[in-house]
Amino acid sequence: MKSRAEIGVLGGSGFYSFFRGAQGVAVRTPYGSPSAKVTLSEIKGKNVAFIPRHGAHHEYPPHKVPYRANLMAFKQMGASRVIAPNAVGSLKTDIRPGDFVFCDEFVNFTSGREGTYFDGPATTHVGMAHPYCPQMREIAVEAARKLRLRFHSSGTIVVIQGPRFSTTAESRFFSRQGWDVIGMTQYPEAVLAREQELCYLNISLVTDYDVGLEGDPSIKPVSNETVIRVFNSKMESLRKLIVEIVKALPEQRKCDCGSALEGARVNA
């Protein structure tokens, strides 16, 4: 298979391989190497590339992930769409561990990350009012419904710096803002995808209730062991979901993601 892909998949915590037995391809970008070699396979006639976001051995914590290299690697391979699963904590009682959330908004609480490809001299302001591809999210919702998964068709993810988890006070604050789930990698990943005019789909897999549930001492605060255990228990469901999404994606993009840079550059 040639080193070309139509769709990229970024694996999150606990999701280190997608194509069993697939060979890895080394890709170099102007922003360095991606988190790991890119593995390639074919799903229903579509070439799909996979990168484990945190590296093959989880060697990149969330604030050190080479986000720019990962998205550029997909772009260089010809991809126009990216599917990005990640592990999250729930901020609401009705969003339970094991649920899938197809986020449509994010709130950024990170700092110091390289969050743009446009460092000058040409200033570029990309629009992020709607950071996730609506066409891909609609297809993902239908795929989850077909597979009879527990899911939420929209949601706001708050992105924290990591690698530590939240304090109780922080988690209460995020919850009281009405936000739904919490994770560590959606910024700058979603922004960089938009800057490359890639359609970008978030699939949040809920692994815990963040710092637990007030009034229920049996629900303990999140731990890394809990995240990996719950993620692993849903691994096959996630794999089937991604395959269904890939199969359902039409050749034509019916969204504005591919024209995100039109009018974005400031002309002196």
Protein backbone atom coordinates (compact mmCIF):
# COMPACT_ATOMS: atom_id res chain seq x y z
CA MET A 1 0.00 0.00 0.00
CA LYS A 2 1.28 3.46 -0.84
CA SER A 3 1.82 5.90 2.01
CA ARG A 4 -1.41 7.75 1.23
CA ALA A 5 -4.53 8.07 3.33
CA GLU A 6 -7.96 9.67 3.04
CA ILE A 7 -8.73 9.47 6.76
CA GLY A 8 -6.53 9.79 9.84
CA VAL A 9 -7.26 8.25 13.24
CA LEU A 10 -5.59 9.53 16.43
CA GLY A 11 -5.60 7.04 19.28
CA GLY A 12 -6.08 8.21 22.87
CA SER A 13 -5.10 6.76 26.24
CA GLY A 14 -5.39 2.98 26.14
CA PHE A 15 -5.83 2.94 22.36
CA TYR A 16 -2.35 2.24 21.03
CA SER A 17 -3.11 0.14 17.98
CA PHE A 18 -5.98 0.17 15.55
CA PHE A 19 -4.85 -2.05 12.69
CA ARG A 20 -3.69 -5.40 13.98
CA GLY A 21 -0.49 -6.52 12.26
CA ALA A 22 -0.22 -3.40 10.08
CA GLN A 23 3.26 -2.11 9.25
CA GLY A 24 4.37 1.30 10.40
CA VAL A 25 5.58 4.03 8.06
CA ALA A 26 8.03 6.69 9.23
CA VAL A 27 6.81 10.19 8.34
CA ARG A 28 8.80 13.39 8.71
CA THR A 29 7.17 16.82 8.79
CA PRO A 30 8.47 20.41 9.07
CA TYR A 31 7.41 20.14 12.73
CA GLY A 32 9.37 16.98 13.44
CA SER A 33 8.19 13.39 13.64
CA PRO A 34 4.69 12.42 14.79
CA SER A 35 4.13 10.54 18.04
CA ALA A 36 4.92 7.19 16.38
CA LYS A 37 5.18 5.53 13.01
CA VAL A 38 1.97 5.80 11.00
CA THR A 39 0.20 2.51 10.39
CA LEU A 40 -1.93 2.11 7.28
CA SER A 41 -4.83 -0.10 6.36
CA GLU A 42 -7.94 -0.17 4.21
CA ILE A 43 -11.57 -0.08 5.33
CA LYS A 44 -14.19 -0.59 2.62
CA GLY A 45 -11.87 0.72 -0.06
CA LYS A 46 -10.74 3.76 1.96
CA ASN A 47 -7.13 4.20 3.01
CA VAL A 48 -6.89 4.98 6.71
CA ALA A 49 -3.82 6.05 8.70
CA PHE A 50 -3.41 5.64 12.47
CA ILE A 51 -1.17 7.47 14.94
CA PRO A 52 -1.22 6.74 18.69
CA ARG A 53 -1.44 10.29 20.08
CA HIS A 54 0.70 9.57 23.16
CA GLY A 55 3.23 7.38 21.35
CA ALA A 56 3.51 3.62 21.00
CA HIS A 57 4.40 3.27 24.71
CA HIS A 58 2.55 6.33 26.07
CA GLU A 59 5.80 8.24 26.28
CA TYR A 60 4.21 11.62 25.50
CA PRO A 61 2.14 13.19 28.30
CA PRO A 62 -0.66 15.47 27.08
CA HIS A 63 1.34 18.70 27.29
CA LYS A 64 4.23 17.14 25.30
CA VAL A 65 2.31 15.47 22.45
CA PRO A 66 3.72 16.62 19.08
CA TYR A 67 0.32 17.86 17.96
CA ARG A 68 1.56 19.88 15.00
CA ALA A 69 3.57 16.96 13.61
CA ASN A 70 0.66 14.52 14.04
CA LEU A 71 -1.85 16.62 12.11
CA MET A 72 0.72 17.62 9.48
CA ALA A 73 1.61 13.96 8.93
CA PHE A 74 -2.01 13.22 8.03
CA LYS A 75 -2.15 16.27 5.79
CA GLN A 76 1.03 15.27 3.97
CA MET A 77 -0.42 11.80 3.38
CA GLY A 78 -3.45 13.33 1.68
CA ALA A 79 -6.02 12.94 4.43
CA SER A 80 -8.97 15.33 4.54
CA ARG A 81 -10.67 13.91 7.65
CA VAL A 82 -9.50 13.01 11.16
CA ILE A 83 -11.24 10.84 13.76
CA ALA A 84 -9.97 11.54 17.28
CA PRO A 85 -11.07 9.29 20.16
CA ASN A 86 -9.95 10.20 23.67
CA ALA A 87 -10.59 9.22 27.28
CA VAL A 88 -12.53 11.76 29.36
CA GLY A 89 -14.05 12.24 32.76
CA SER A 90 -17.71 13.10 33.23
CA LEU A 91 -18.85 16.35 34.85
CA LYS A 92 -22.55 15.35 34.91
CA THR A 93 -24.37 12.49 36.60
CA ASP A 94 -26.29 11.53 33.46
CA ILE A 95 -23.08 11.09 31.46
CA ARG A 96 -21.91 7.74 32.76
CA PRO A 97 -18.66 5.79 32.49
CA GLY A 98 -18.78 3.75 29.29
CA ASP A 99 -20.80 6.40 27.41
CA PHE A 100 -19.60 7.98 24.18
CA VAL A 101 -19.88 11.74 23.72
CA PHE A 102 -19.54 13.41 20.32
CA CYS A 103 -18.42 16.84 21.42
CA ASP A 104 -19.38 19.92 19.45
CA GLU A 105 -17.55 22.53 21.59
CA PHE A 106 -14.45 22.84 23.73
CA VAL A 107 -13.18 25.24 26.41
CA ASN A 108 -9.40 25.58 26.74
CA PHE A 109 -7.67 25.75 30.13
CA THR A 110 -4.19 24.74 28.94
CA SER A 111 -1.13 26.96 28.71
CA GLY A 112 2.21 27.03 26.93
CA ARG A 113 1.30 24.63 24.12
CA GLU A 114 2.24 25.32 20.50
CA GLY A 115 -1.27 25.95 19.27
CA THR A 116 -0.91 27.22 15.70
CA TYR A 117 0.90 26.71 12.42
CA PHE A 118 0.80 30.47 11.80
CA ASP A 119 3.61 32.02 13.81
CA GLY A 120 4.12 34.86 11.33
CA PRO A 121 5.08 36.87 9.45
CA ALA A 122 1.65 36.45 7.80
CA THR A 123 -0.98 36.73 10.55
CA THR A 124 -3.88 34.29 10.18
CA HIS A 125 -7.04 34.18 12.33
CA VAL A 126 -8.94 30.93 11.79
CA GLY A 127 -12.59 30.78 12.86
CA MET A 128 -13.39 28.34 15.69
CA ALA A 129 -17.02 29.12 16.54
CA HIS A 130 -17.88 25.52 15.66
CA PRO A 131 -14.65 23.55 16.17
CA TYR A 132 -15.88 20.09 15.16
CA CYS A 133 -17.09 18.91 11.75
CA PRO A 134 -20.91 18.78 11.79
CA GLN A 135 -21.09 16.29 8.92
CA MET A 136 -18.77 13.81 10.61
CA ARG A 137 -20.57 14.21 13.95
CA GLU A 138 -23.92 13.46 12.32
CA ILE A 139 -22.48 10.33 10.71
CA ALA A 140 -20.93 9.27 14.04
CA VAL A 141 -24.26 9.64 15.85
CA GLU A 142 -25.97 7.42 13.29
CA ALA A 143 -23.17 4.84 13.57
CA ALA A 144 -23.49 4.76 17.37
CA ARG A 145 -27.26 4.38 17.06
CA LYS A 146 -26.80 1.50 14.62
CA LEU A 147 -24.43 -0.26 17.03
CA ARG A 148 -26.81 0.42 19.97
CA LEU A 149 -24.16 2.19 22.01
CA ARG A 150 -24.88 4.56 24.87
CA PHE A 151 -24.01 7.99 23.54
CA HIS A 152 -24.59 11.73 23.70
CA SER A 153 -24.87 13.51 20.37
CA SER A 154 -23.25 16.73 21.59
CA GLY A 155 -21.30 18.11 24.51
CA THR A 156 -18.68 20.60 25.65
CA ILE A 157 -15.29 19.30 26.68
CA VAL A 158 -13.08 21.36 28.98
CA VAL A 159 -9.40 20.83 28.21
CA ILE A 160 -6.98 20.97 31.15
CA GLN A 161 -3.21 21.09 31.04
CA GLY A 162 -2.44 17.79 32.72
CA PRO A 163 -0.76 15.52 33.32
CA ARG A 164 -2.35 15.79 36.78
CA PHE A 165 -6.06 15.33 37.30
CA SER A 166 -8.35 18.09 38.63
CA THR A 167 -8.75 19.19 42.22
CA THR A 168 -12.23 18.93 43.69
CA ALA A 169 -12.62 22.72 43.57
CA GLU A 170 -11.61 22.84 39.90
CA SER A 171 -13.98 20.03 38.98
CA ARG A 172 -16.86 21.73 40.81
CA PHE A 173 -16.13 24.95 38.93
CA PHE A 174 -16.11 23.20 35.54
CA SER A 175 -19.33 21.36 36.36
CA ARG A 176 -21.10 24.53 37.49
CA GLN A 177 -20.35 26.16 34.16
CA GLY A 178 -22.57 23.53 32.56
CA TRP A 179 -19.73 21.78 30.74
CA ASP A 180 -20.05 18.06 30.13
CA VAL A 181 -16.73 16.21 30.07
CA ILE A 182 -13.08 16.87 30.84
CA GLY A 183 -9.93 15.82 28.99
CA MET A 184 -6.36 16.90 28.20
CA THR A 185 -5.77 16.74 24.44
CA GLN A 186 -8.50 18.49 22.44
CA TYR A 187 -6.51 21.70 22.48
CA PRO A 188 -4.58 22.41 20.33
CA GLU A 189 -5.47 19.32 18.30
CA ALA A 190 -8.87 20.56 17.07
CA VAL A 191 -7.46 24.00 16.21
CA LEU A 192 -4.54 22.57 14.25
CA ALA A 193 -6.91 20.36 12.27
CA ARG A 194 -8.97 23.43 11.38
CA GLU A 195 -5.83 25.33 10.34
CA GLN A 196 -5.04 22.49 7.94
CA GLU A 197 -8.65 22.54 6.68
CA LEU A 198 -9.20 18.99 7.93
CA CYS A 199 -12.61 17.75 9.04
CA TYR A 200 -12.20 16.75 12.69
CA LEU A 201 -14.42 14.46 14.78
CA ASN A 202 -14.08 14.03 18.52
CA ILE A 203 -15.18 10.77 20.13
CA SER A 204 -14.99 11.12 23.90
CA LEU A 205 -15.17 7.84 25.80
CA VAL A 206 -16.18 8.46 29.40
CA THR A 207 -14.02 6.48 31.84
CA ASP A 208 -14.86 8.07 35.21
CA TYR A 209 -16.68 10.79 37.14
CA ASP A 210 -13.57 13.01 37.45
CA VAL A 211 -13.31 13.64 41.24
CA GLY A 212 -16.25 11.38 42.04
CA LEU A 213 -19.91 12.18 42.77
CA GLU A 214 -20.90 14.39 45.68
CA GLY A 215 -23.14 12.50 48.07
CA ASP A 216 -22.00 9.11 46.79
CA PRO A 217 -18.82 7.98 48.61
CA SER A 218 -18.79 4.74 46.62
CA ILE A 219 -17.75 6.69 43.49
CA LYS A 220 -14.06 7.38 43.89
CA PRO A 221 -11.97 10.12 42.22
CA VAL A 222 -10.38 9.24 38.88
CA SER A 223 -7.15 7.25 38.77
CA ASN A 224 -5.00 6.27 35.83
CA GLU A 225 -5.80 2.61 36.51
CA THR A 226 -9.53 3.34 36.23
CA VAL A 227 -9.10 5.22 32.95
CA ILE A 228 -7.18 2.39 31.30
CA ARG A 229 -9.44 -0.34 32.68
CA VAL A 230 -12.68 1.26 31.45
CA PHE A 231 -11.13 2.30 28.13
CA ASN A 232 -9.92 -1.27 27.54
CA SER A 233 -13.37 -2.65 28.34
CA LYS A 234 -14.82 -0.49 25.55
CA MET A 235 -11.98 -0.99 23.06
CA GLU A 236 -13.87 -3.29 20.73
CA SER A 237 -16.96 -1.07 20.75
CA LEU A 238 -14.76 1.90 19.87
CA ARG A 239 -13.08 -0.03 17.08
CA LYS A 240 -16.46 -1.05 15.61
CA LEU A 241 -17.72 2.51 15.90
CA ILE A 242 -14.75 3.92 13.99
CA VAL A 243 -15.12 1.29 11.28
CA GLU A 244 -18.83 2.15 10.88
CA ILE A 245 -18.00 5.84 10.65
CA VAL A 246 -15.31 5.27 8.03
CA LYS A 247 -17.66 3.10 5.98
CA ALA A 248 -20.39 5.75 6.07
CA LEU A 249 -18.24 8.75 5.15
CA PRO A 250 -19.15 9.99 1.65
CA GLU A 251 -16.49 11.01 -0.82
CA GLN A 252 -17.71 14.61 -0.91
CA ARG A 253 -17.37 16.83 2.14
CA LYS A 254 -20.56 18.81 2.80
CA CYS A 255 -19.17 21.21 5.40
CA ASP A 256 -17.06 24.36 5.60
CA CYS A 257 -13.97 22.70 7.08
CA GLY A 258 -12.20 22.57 3.72
CA SER A 259 -12.42 26.34 3.26
CA ALA A 260 -11.52 27.42 6.80
CA LEU A 261 -8.62 29.61 5.66
CA GLU A 262 -10.58 31.65 3.15
CA GLY A 263 -10.39 35.25 4.30
CA ALA A 264 -8.47 34.28 7.45
CA ARG A 265 -5.18 35.91 6.53
CA VAL A 266 -4.50 39.56 7.41
CA ASN A 267 -3.12 41.39 4.37
CA ALA A 268 -0.89 44.31 5.29
